[in-house]
Amino acid sequence: MDLGALLLVAAVAVVVGLYVFMPYGERTARRVTRQEHNISALMAERDSILTALQELEMDHLLGKIPAEDYPTQRAALMKAGVDVLKELDALTGKTDDRSAENRMEEAARTQAAAAEAAVGEDDLEALIAKRRAQRRRRSAGFCPQCGRAVLEKDRFCAHCGYVLKS
């Protein structure tokens, strides 16, 4: 072999080696700044407060919370939510035309409307009755051999293969 061929093979080997090992040299993780971390934490806290407000509304509608306790609990959650929104605004530099109180109240109203829509007692009772009827029709009991649940339409147990109907 002559010297040119050896240099060509060496160059191709170096290029292939660089291509193969390039992913190991790259830095894939992006560093998160302290501000981004704080914004993410505040957004998570805002979401948890909105969830707590929704649960409070639902419990109030269902009568699980005494009427005298509801306003104080709601006011405490609203204050916490407003504080979080103000901190978020300060960190992100957002200037919204509406105040943090108005935005929190709007979000709480949306949550309350969702809770009220979810609680329709007659609809809920009808849905439960329908579901129970469907379950009764589908279930045929248990396999006598392995004890697994079987359906009415099954001719064989799906688990052990036992013949259920002939």
N, C-alpha and C. Protein backbone atom coordinates (compact mmCIF):
# COMPACT_ATOMS: atom_id res chain seq x y z
N MET A 1 0.84 -1.18 0.00
CA MET A 1 0.00 0.00 0.00
C MET A 1 0.88 1.25 0.00
N ASP A 2 0.39 2.21 -0.68
CA ASP A 2 1.21 3.41 -0.72
C ASP A 2 0.78 4.37 0.39
N LEU A 3 1.50 5.40 0.57
CA LEU A 3 1.30 6.35 1.67
C LEU A 3 -0.03 7.09 1.54
N GLY A 4 -0.50 7.41 0.36
CA GLY A 4 -1.76 8.12 0.14
C GLY A 4 -2.96 7.31 0.62
N ALA A 5 -2.93 6.01 0.34
CA ALA A 5 -4.03 5.14 0.76
C ALA A 5 -4.09 5.05 2.29
N LEU A 6 -2.94 4.96 2.93
CA LEU A 6 -2.90 4.89 4.40
C LEU A 6 -3.43 6.18 5.01
N LEU A 7 -3.06 7.32 4.45
CA LEU A 7 -3.56 8.58 4.97
C LEU A 7 -5.07 8.71 4.77
N LEU A 8 -5.57 8.25 3.63
CA LEU A 8 -7.01 8.28 3.38
C LEU A 8 -7.77 7.40 4.37
N VAL A 9 -7.29 6.21 4.64
CA VAL A 9 -7.93 5.31 5.60
C VAL A 9 -7.88 5.92 7.00
N ALA A 10 -6.77 6.53 7.37
CA ALA A 10 -6.64 7.15 8.69
C ALA A 10 -7.61 8.33 8.81
N ALA A 11 -7.74 9.13 7.74
CA ALA A 11 -8.64 10.28 7.78
C ALA A 11 -10.09 9.82 7.91
N VAL A 12 -10.46 8.77 7.17
CA VAL A 12 -11.83 8.25 7.26
C VAL A 12 -12.08 7.70 8.66
N ALA A 13 -11.11 7.03 9.24
CA ALA A 13 -11.27 6.48 10.59
C ALA A 13 -11.44 7.59 11.61
N VAL A 14 -10.70 8.68 11.47
CA VAL A 14 -10.82 9.80 12.39
C VAL A 14 -12.20 10.45 12.27
N VAL A 15 -12.67 10.65 11.03
CA VAL A 15 -13.99 11.26 10.82
C VAL A 15 -15.09 10.37 11.40
N VAL A 16 -15.03 9.08 11.15
CA VAL A 16 -16.02 8.15 11.69
C VAL A 16 -15.97 8.14 13.21
N GLY A 17 -14.77 8.13 13.79
CA GLY A 17 -14.62 8.16 15.24
C GLY A 17 -15.21 9.42 15.84
N LEU A 18 -14.97 10.57 15.22
CA LEU A 18 -15.55 11.82 15.71
C LEU A 18 -17.08 11.80 15.62
N TYR A 19 -17.59 11.26 14.53
CA TYR A 19 -19.04 11.20 14.35
C TYR A 19 -19.69 10.28 15.39
N VAL A 20 -19.05 9.16 15.66
CA VAL A 20 -19.61 8.20 16.61
C VAL A 20 -19.56 8.73 18.04
N PHE A 21 -18.49 9.39 18.42
CA PHE A 21 -18.32 9.83 19.80
C PHE A 21 -18.79 11.27 20.05
N MET A 22 -19.33 11.95 19.03
CA MET A 22 -19.80 13.32 19.19
C MET A 22 -20.92 13.44 20.22
N PRO A 23 -21.90 12.53 20.29
CA PRO A 23 -22.95 12.69 21.31
C PRO A 23 -22.42 12.67 22.74
N TYR A 24 -21.32 11.99 22.98
CA TYR A 24 -20.76 11.93 24.33
C TYR A 24 -20.10 13.25 24.72
N GLY A 25 -19.68 14.01 23.76
CA GLY A 25 -19.03 15.28 24.05
C GLY A 25 -19.99 16.44 24.21
N GLU A 26 -21.23 16.27 23.75
CA GLU A 26 -22.21 17.35 23.85
C GLU A 26 -22.80 17.41 25.24
N ARG A 27 -23.14 18.58 25.61
CA ARG A 27 -23.81 18.77 26.90
C ARG A 27 -25.31 18.84 26.63
N THR A 28 -26.05 17.84 27.08
CA THR A 28 -27.48 17.76 26.74
C THR A 28 -28.36 18.49 27.75
N ALA A 29 -27.95 18.52 28.98
CA ALA A 29 -28.80 19.13 30.01
C ALA A 29 -28.62 20.64 29.99
N ARG A 30 -29.73 21.34 30.02
CA ARG A 30 -29.68 22.80 30.05
C ARG A 30 -29.80 23.22 31.50
N ARG A 31 -28.97 24.12 31.88
CA ARG A 31 -29.01 24.60 33.26
C ARG A 31 -30.22 25.51 33.45
N VAL A 32 -30.90 25.30 34.54
CA VAL A 32 -32.07 26.10 34.87
C VAL A 32 -31.62 27.19 35.83
N THR A 33 -31.98 28.41 35.51
CA THR A 33 -31.59 29.51 36.39
C THR A 33 -32.45 29.51 37.65
N ARG A 34 -32.00 30.22 38.62
CA ARG A 34 -32.72 30.33 39.89
C ARG A 34 -34.10 30.97 39.65
N GLN A 35 -34.15 31.96 38.75
CA GLN A 35 -35.42 32.63 38.47
C GLN A 35 -36.40 31.68 37.80
N GLU A 36 -35.95 30.88 36.85
CA GLU A 36 -36.83 29.92 36.19
C GLU A 36 -37.36 28.90 37.20
N HIS A 37 -36.48 28.48 38.10
CA HIS A 37 -36.90 27.53 39.14
C HIS A 37 -37.97 28.15 40.04
N ASN A 38 -37.76 29.40 40.44
CA ASN A 38 -38.73 30.08 41.30
C ASN A 38 -40.07 30.27 40.59
N ILE A 39 -40.03 30.62 39.30
CA ILE A 39 -41.27 30.79 38.54
C ILE A 39 -42.01 29.46 38.45
N SER A 40 -41.29 28.39 38.19
CA SER A 40 -41.92 27.07 38.10
C SER A 40 -42.55 26.67 39.44
N ALA A 41 -41.85 26.93 40.53
CA ALA A 41 -42.38 26.60 41.85
C ALA A 41 -43.63 27.42 42.16
N LEU A 42 -43.62 28.70 41.80
CA LEU A 42 -44.78 29.54 42.05
C LEU A 42 -45.98 29.12 41.20
N MET A 43 -45.72 28.72 39.96
CA MET A 43 -46.82 28.25 39.11
C MET A 43 -47.42 26.96 39.67
N ALA A 44 -46.57 26.08 40.19
CA ALA A 44 -47.08 24.85 40.81
C ALA A 44 -47.89 25.18 42.05
N GLU A 45 -47.44 26.15 42.83
CA GLU A 45 -48.17 26.55 44.02
C GLU A 45 -49.52 27.18 43.65
N ARG A 46 -49.54 27.99 42.58
CA ARG A 46 -50.78 28.59 42.10
C ARG A 46 -51.77 27.49 41.70
N ASP A 47 -51.27 26.48 40.98
CA ASP A 47 -52.15 25.39 40.56
C ASP A 47 -52.69 24.61 41.75
N SER A 48 -51.86 24.41 42.76
CA SER A 48 -52.34 23.67 43.94
C SER A 48 -53.38 24.49 44.71
N ILE A 49 -53.22 25.81 44.73
CA ILE A 49 -54.22 26.66 45.40
C ILE A 49 -55.53 26.62 44.64
N LEU A 50 -55.46 26.66 43.30
CA LEU A 50 -56.69 26.58 42.51
C LEU A 50 -57.38 25.23 42.71
N THR A 51 -56.59 24.17 42.81
CA THR A 51 -57.17 22.84 43.07
C THR A 51 -57.83 22.81 44.45
N ALA A 52 -57.17 23.42 45.44
CA ALA A 52 -57.75 23.47 46.78
C ALA A 52 -59.04 24.28 46.78
N LEU A 53 -59.07 25.37 46.00
CA LEU A 53 -60.30 26.15 45.89
C LEU A 53 -61.43 25.34 45.27
N GLN A 54 -61.09 24.57 44.24
CA GLN A 54 -62.10 23.74 43.59
C GLN A 54 -62.63 22.69 44.57
N GLU A 55 -61.74 22.06 45.31
CA GLU A 55 -62.17 21.06 46.29
C GLU A 55 -63.03 21.70 47.38
N LEU A 56 -62.65 22.92 47.80
CA LEU A 56 -63.43 23.62 48.80
C LEU A 56 -64.84 23.93 48.28
N GLU A 57 -64.92 24.39 47.04
CA GLU A 57 -66.23 24.67 46.44
C GLU A 57 -67.08 23.40 46.37
N MET A 58 -66.45 22.31 45.95
CA MET A 58 -67.16 21.04 45.84
C MET A 58 -67.65 20.58 47.20
N ASP A 59 -66.79 20.66 48.21
CA ASP A 59 -67.18 20.26 49.55
C ASP A 59 -68.30 21.15 50.09
N HIS A 60 -68.24 22.43 49.78
CA HIS A 60 -69.29 23.36 50.22
C HIS A 60 -70.62 23.01 49.56
N LEU A 61 -70.58 22.71 48.25
CA LEU A 61 -71.81 22.36 47.55
C LEU A 61 -72.40 21.04 48.05
N LEU A 62 -71.54 20.14 48.46
CA LEU A 62 -72.02 18.85 48.95
C LEU A 62 -72.39 18.89 50.43
N GLY A 63 -72.13 20.02 51.09
CA GLY A 63 -72.49 20.16 52.49
C GLY A 63 -71.51 19.54 53.45
N LYS A 64 -70.29 19.31 53.02
CA LYS A 64 -69.29 18.70 53.90
C LYS A 64 -68.63 19.73 54.81
N ILE A 65 -68.72 21.00 54.45
CA ILE A 65 -68.10 22.06 55.23
C ILE A 65 -69.20 22.93 55.82
N PRO A 66 -69.10 23.24 57.11
CA PRO A 66 -70.12 24.11 57.72
C PRO A 66 -70.14 25.48 57.03
N ALA A 67 -71.32 26.06 56.94
CA ALA A 67 -71.49 27.34 56.23
C ALA A 67 -70.66 28.45 56.87
N GLU A 68 -70.45 28.39 58.18
CA GLU A 68 -69.70 29.46 58.83
C GLU A 68 -68.18 29.34 58.58
N ASP A 69 -67.70 28.15 58.28
CA ASP A 69 -66.27 27.96 58.02
C ASP A 69 -65.88 28.25 56.57
N TYR A 70 -66.82 28.11 55.67
CA TYR A 70 -66.52 28.26 54.25
C TYR A 70 -65.93 29.62 53.88
N PRO A 71 -66.53 30.75 54.30
CA PRO A 71 -65.97 32.04 53.89
C PRO A 71 -64.54 32.28 54.38
N THR A 72 -64.25 31.85 55.60
CA THR A 72 -62.89 32.08 56.12
C THR A 72 -61.87 31.22 55.38
N GLN A 73 -62.22 29.97 55.10
CA GLN A 73 -61.29 29.11 54.36
C GLN A 73 -61.08 29.62 52.94
N ARG A 74 -62.17 30.06 52.32
CA ARG A 74 -62.06 30.57 50.95
C ARG A 74 -61.22 31.85 50.92
N ALA A 75 -61.44 32.74 51.90
CA ALA A 75 -60.67 33.98 51.96
C ALA A 75 -59.18 33.70 52.16
N ALA A 76 -58.86 32.71 52.98
CA ALA A 76 -57.45 32.37 53.21
C ALA A 76 -56.81 31.84 51.93
N LEU A 77 -57.53 30.97 51.21
CA LEU A 77 -57.00 30.45 49.96
C LEU A 77 -56.86 31.56 48.91
N MET A 78 -57.85 32.45 48.85
CA MET A 78 -57.79 33.55 47.90
C MET A 78 -56.60 34.46 48.20
N LYS A 79 -56.35 34.75 49.47
CA LYS A 79 -55.22 35.60 49.85
C LYS A 79 -53.90 34.94 49.46
N ALA A 80 -53.80 33.65 49.71
CA ALA A 80 -52.58 32.93 49.33
C ALA A 80 -52.40 32.96 47.81
N GLY A 81 -53.49 32.78 47.07
CA GLY A 81 -53.41 32.82 45.61
C GLY A 81 -53.02 34.18 45.09
N VAL A 82 -53.55 35.24 45.70
CA VAL A 82 -53.20 36.60 45.28
C VAL A 82 -51.73 36.86 45.54
N ASP A 83 -51.23 36.42 46.70
CA ASP A 83 -49.81 36.60 47.01
C ASP A 83 -48.93 35.90 45.99
N VAL A 84 -49.31 34.69 45.62
CA VAL A 84 -48.54 33.94 44.62
C VAL A 84 -48.57 34.65 43.27
N LEU A 85 -49.73 35.14 42.87
CA LEU A 85 -49.83 35.86 41.60
C LEU A 85 -48.98 37.12 41.60
N LYS A 86 -48.96 37.84 42.72
CA LYS A 86 -48.13 39.05 42.81
C LYS A 86 -46.64 38.69 42.69
N GLU A 87 -46.23 37.61 43.35
CA GLU A 87 -44.83 37.18 43.24
C GLU A 87 -44.49 36.77 41.81
N LEU A 88 -45.42 36.07 41.18
CA LEU A 88 -45.20 35.67 39.77
C LEU A 88 -45.07 36.90 38.88
N ASP A 89 -45.93 37.87 39.09
CA ASP A 89 -45.85 39.10 38.30
C ASP A 89 -44.52 39.80 38.50
N ALA A 90 -44.05 39.83 39.75
CA ALA A 90 -42.78 40.49 40.03
C ALA A 90 -41.62 39.76 39.36
N LEU A 91 -41.65 38.43 39.36
CA LEU A 91 -40.55 37.66 38.76
C LEU A 91 -40.57 37.70 37.24
N THR A 92 -41.76 37.63 36.66
CA THR A 92 -41.85 37.59 35.20
C THR A 92 -41.84 38.98 34.58
N GLY A 93 -42.10 40.00 35.38
CA GLY A 93 -42.14 41.35 34.85
C GLY A 93 -43.40 41.64 34.07
N LYS A 94 -44.41 40.79 34.21
CA LYS A 94 -45.68 40.98 33.51
C LYS A 94 -46.43 42.13 34.14
N THR A 95 -46.99 42.93 33.31
CA THR A 95 -47.90 43.97 33.80
C THR A 95 -49.24 43.72 33.13
N ASP A 96 -50.17 43.22 33.91
CA ASP A 96 -51.51 42.92 33.40
C ASP A 96 -52.43 44.07 33.79
N ASP A 97 -53.40 44.36 32.92
CA ASP A 97 -54.34 45.44 33.21
C ASP A 97 -55.17 45.12 34.45
N ARG A 98 -55.45 43.85 34.66
CA ARG A 98 -56.26 43.46 35.81
C ARG A 98 -55.34 43.22 37.01
N SER A 99 -55.87 43.46 38.19
CA SER A 99 -55.08 43.23 39.39
C SER A 99 -55.02 41.74 39.70
N ALA A 100 -54.10 41.39 40.57
CA ALA A 100 -53.95 39.98 40.97
C ALA A 100 -55.23 39.49 41.65
N GLU A 101 -55.89 40.38 42.41
CA GLU A 101 -57.13 39.99 43.09
C GLU A 101 -58.21 39.62 42.08
N ASN A 102 -58.33 40.43 41.02
CA ASN A 102 -59.35 40.16 40.00
C ASN A 102 -59.04 38.87 39.24
N ARG A 103 -57.78 38.64 38.92
CA ARG A 103 -57.43 37.41 38.20
C ARG A 103 -57.68 36.18 39.05
N MET A 104 -57.36 36.27 40.35
CA MET A 104 -57.59 35.13 41.24
C MET A 104 -59.08 34.89 41.40
N GLU A 105 -59.84 35.95 41.53
CA GLU A 105 -61.29 35.81 41.67
C GLU A 105 -61.90 35.18 40.42
N GLU A 106 -61.39 35.58 39.25
CA GLU A 106 -61.88 34.99 38.00
C GLU A 106 -61.56 33.51 37.92
N ALA A 107 -60.35 33.15 38.32
CA ALA A 107 -59.96 31.74 38.31
C ALA A 107 -60.81 30.95 39.31
N ALA A 108 -61.09 31.54 40.47
CA ALA A 108 -61.92 30.86 41.48
C ALA A 108 -63.35 30.69 40.97
N ARG A 109 -63.87 31.71 40.27
CA ARG A 109 -65.22 31.60 39.71
C ARG A 109 -65.29 30.48 38.68
N THR A 110 -64.25 30.37 37.88
CA THR A 110 -64.19 29.30 36.88
C THR A 110 -64.20 27.94 37.58
N GLN A 111 -63.43 27.82 38.66
CA GLN A 111 -63.38 26.57 39.41
C GLN A 111 -64.74 26.28 40.05
N ALA A 112 -65.40 27.32 40.57
CA ALA A 112 -66.71 27.12 41.20
C ALA A 112 -67.74 26.68 40.18
N ALA A 113 -67.69 27.26 38.99
CA ALA A 113 -68.63 26.87 37.94
C ALA A 113 -68.41 25.42 37.55
N ALA A 114 -67.16 25.00 37.49
CA ALA A 114 -66.86 23.60 37.17
C ALA A 114 -67.38 22.68 38.27
N ALA A 115 -67.24 23.11 39.53
CA ALA A 115 -67.73 22.29 40.64
C ALA A 115 -69.26 22.19 40.61
N GLU A 116 -69.92 23.31 40.35
CA GLU A 116 -71.39 23.28 40.30
C GLU A 116 -71.89 22.43 39.15
N ALA A 117 -71.20 22.50 38.03
CA ALA A 117 -71.61 21.69 36.88
C ALA A 117 -71.43 20.21 37.15
N ALA A 118 -70.43 19.89 37.96
CA ALA A 118 -70.17 18.49 38.26
C ALA A 118 -71.18 17.90 39.23
N VAL A 119 -71.82 18.76 40.02
CA VAL A 119 -72.75 18.27 41.03
C VAL A 119 -74.17 18.48 40.57
N GLY A 120 -74.68 17.52 39.85
CA GLY A 120 -76.09 17.48 39.52
C GLY A 120 -76.59 16.19 40.11
N GLU A 121 -77.28 16.24 41.22
CA GLU A 121 -77.60 15.03 41.97
C GLU A 121 -78.43 14.04 41.17
N ASP A 122 -79.42 14.53 40.45
CA ASP A 122 -80.27 13.62 39.68
C ASP A 122 -79.47 12.96 38.56
N ASP A 123 -78.68 13.75 37.88
CA ASP A 123 -77.85 13.20 36.80
C ASP A 123 -76.85 12.20 37.36
N LEU A 124 -76.28 12.54 38.50
CA LEU A 124 -75.30 11.66 39.12
C LEU A 124 -75.93 10.34 39.55
N GLU A 125 -77.10 10.40 40.15
CA GLU A 125 -77.80 9.19 40.57
C GLU A 125 -78.17 8.33 39.36
N ALA A 126 -78.61 8.95 38.29
CA ALA A 126 -78.96 8.21 37.08
C ALA A 126 -77.73 7.54 36.48
N LEU A 127 -76.63 8.24 36.50
CA LEU A 127 -75.39 7.68 35.98
C LEU A 127 -74.92 6.49 36.82
N ILE A 128 -75.03 6.61 38.12
CA ILE A 128 -74.65 5.50 39.01
C ILE A 128 -75.55 4.29 38.78
N ALA A 129 -76.84 4.51 38.67
CA ALA A 129 -77.78 3.41 38.45
C ALA A 129 -77.50 2.73 37.10
N LYS A 130 -77.23 3.51 36.09
CA LYS A 130 -76.92 2.95 34.77
C LYS A 130 -75.65 2.11 34.82
N ARG A 131 -74.65 2.62 35.50
CA ARG A 131 -73.38 1.89 35.62
C ARG A 131 -73.56 0.59 36.39
N ARG A 132 -74.32 0.62 37.44
CA ARG A 132 -74.56 -0.61 38.21
C ARG A 132 -75.30 -1.65 37.38
N ALA A 133 -76.27 -1.20 36.59
CA ALA A 133 -77.02 -2.12 35.73
C ALA A 133 -76.10 -2.75 34.69
N GLN A 134 -75.22 -1.95 34.11
CA GLN A 134 -74.28 -2.49 33.14
C GLN A 134 -73.37 -3.53 33.77
N ARG A 135 -72.90 -3.25 34.96
CA ARG A 135 -72.00 -4.19 35.63
C ARG A 135 -72.71 -5.50 35.95
N ARG A 136 -73.99 -5.41 36.36
CA ARG A 136 -74.74 -6.63 36.66
C ARG A 136 -74.92 -7.48 35.42
N ARG A 137 -75.18 -6.83 34.29
CA ARG A 137 -75.39 -7.58 33.05
C ARG A 137 -74.11 -8.24 32.57
N ARG A 138 -72.99 -7.58 32.73
CA ARG A 138 -71.74 -8.11 32.18
C ARG A 138 -71.13 -9.20 33.04
N SER A 139 -71.22 -9.07 34.33
CA SER A 139 -70.55 -10.01 35.22
C SER A 139 -71.34 -11.30 35.33
N ALA A 140 -70.63 -12.42 35.20
CA ALA A 140 -71.29 -13.71 35.34
C ALA A 140 -70.74 -14.45 36.55
N GLY A 141 -69.96 -13.79 37.35
CA GLY A 141 -69.42 -14.44 38.54
C GLY A 141 -67.94 -14.73 38.39
N PHE A 142 -67.55 -15.91 38.90
CA PHE A 142 -66.13 -16.26 38.94
C PHE A 142 -65.92 -17.66 38.38
N CYS A 143 -64.73 -17.89 37.89
CA CYS A 143 -64.38 -19.21 37.35
C CYS A 143 -64.32 -20.20 38.50
N PRO A 144 -64.97 -21.37 38.37
CA PRO A 144 -64.96 -22.35 39.46
C PRO A 144 -63.59 -22.98 39.67
N GLN A 145 -62.70 -22.88 38.68
CA GLN A 145 -61.40 -23.52 38.81
C GLN A 145 -60.35 -22.58 39.40
N CYS A 146 -60.23 -21.37 38.84
CA CYS A 146 -59.15 -20.48 39.29
C CYS A 146 -59.65 -19.30 40.12
N GLY A 147 -60.95 -19.01 40.09
CA GLY A 147 -61.50 -17.93 40.90
C GLY A 147 -61.45 -16.55 40.26
N ARG A 148 -61.00 -16.42 39.03
CA ARG A 148 -60.96 -15.13 38.35
C ARG A 148 -62.36 -14.73 37.89
N ALA A 149 -62.59 -13.42 37.76
CA ALA A 149 -63.88 -12.92 37.31
C ALA A 149 -64.08 -13.27 35.83
N VAL A 150 -65.31 -13.65 35.50
CA VAL A 150 -65.64 -13.96 34.11
C VAL A 150 -66.88 -13.16 33.72
N LEU A 151 -67.03 -12.94 32.43
CA LEU A 151 -68.17 -12.20 31.90
C LEU A 151 -69.23 -13.15 31.40
N GLU A 152 -70.44 -12.62 31.19
CA GLU A 152 -71.55 -13.43 30.71
C GLU A 152 -71.26 -14.07 29.36
N LYS A 153 -70.62 -13.33 28.48
CA LYS A 153 -70.38 -13.81 27.12
C LYS A 153 -69.22 -14.81 27.03
N ASP A 154 -68.44 -14.98 28.09
CA ASP A 154 -67.29 -15.89 28.05
C ASP A 154 -67.74 -17.34 28.01
N ARG A 155 -67.09 -18.09 27.12
CA ARG A 155 -67.33 -19.53 27.07
C ARG A 155 -66.23 -20.28 27.81
N PHE A 156 -65.07 -19.62 27.90
CA PHE A 156 -63.92 -20.20 28.58
C PHE A 156 -63.33 -19.14 29.52
N CYS A 157 -62.69 -19.60 30.57
CA CYS A 157 -62.00 -18.68 31.47
C CYS A 157 -60.76 -18.16 30.73
N ALA A 158 -60.59 -16.85 30.73
CA ALA A 158 -59.45 -16.24 30.03
C ALA A 158 -58.13 -16.57 30.72
N HIS A 159 -58.17 -16.92 31.98
CA HIS A 159 -56.93 -17.18 32.72
C HIS A 159 -56.49 -18.65 32.64
N CYS A 160 -57.41 -19.55 32.94
CA CYS A 160 -57.00 -20.97 33.01
C CYS A 160 -57.57 -21.83 31.88
N GLY A 161 -58.54 -21.31 31.12
CA GLY A 161 -59.09 -22.07 29.99
C GLY A 161 -60.23 -23.01 30.34
N TYR A 162 -60.71 -22.94 31.57
CA TYR A 162 -61.79 -23.81 32.01
C TYR A 162 -63.05 -23.55 31.15
N VAL A 163 -63.75 -24.62 30.76
CA VAL A 163 -64.95 -24.49 29.95
C VAL A 163 -66.09 -24.05 30.87
N LEU A 164 -66.64 -22.85 30.59
CA LEU A 164 -67.71 -22.30 31.42
C LEU A 164 -69.07 -22.69 30.90
N LYS A 165 -69.24 -22.68 29.57
CA LYS A 165 -70.53 -23.02 28.95
C LYS A 165 -70.28 -24.09 27.93
N SER A 166 -71.26 -24.91 27.71
CA SER A 166 -71.09 -25.92 26.66
C SER A 166 -72.07 -25.72 25.55
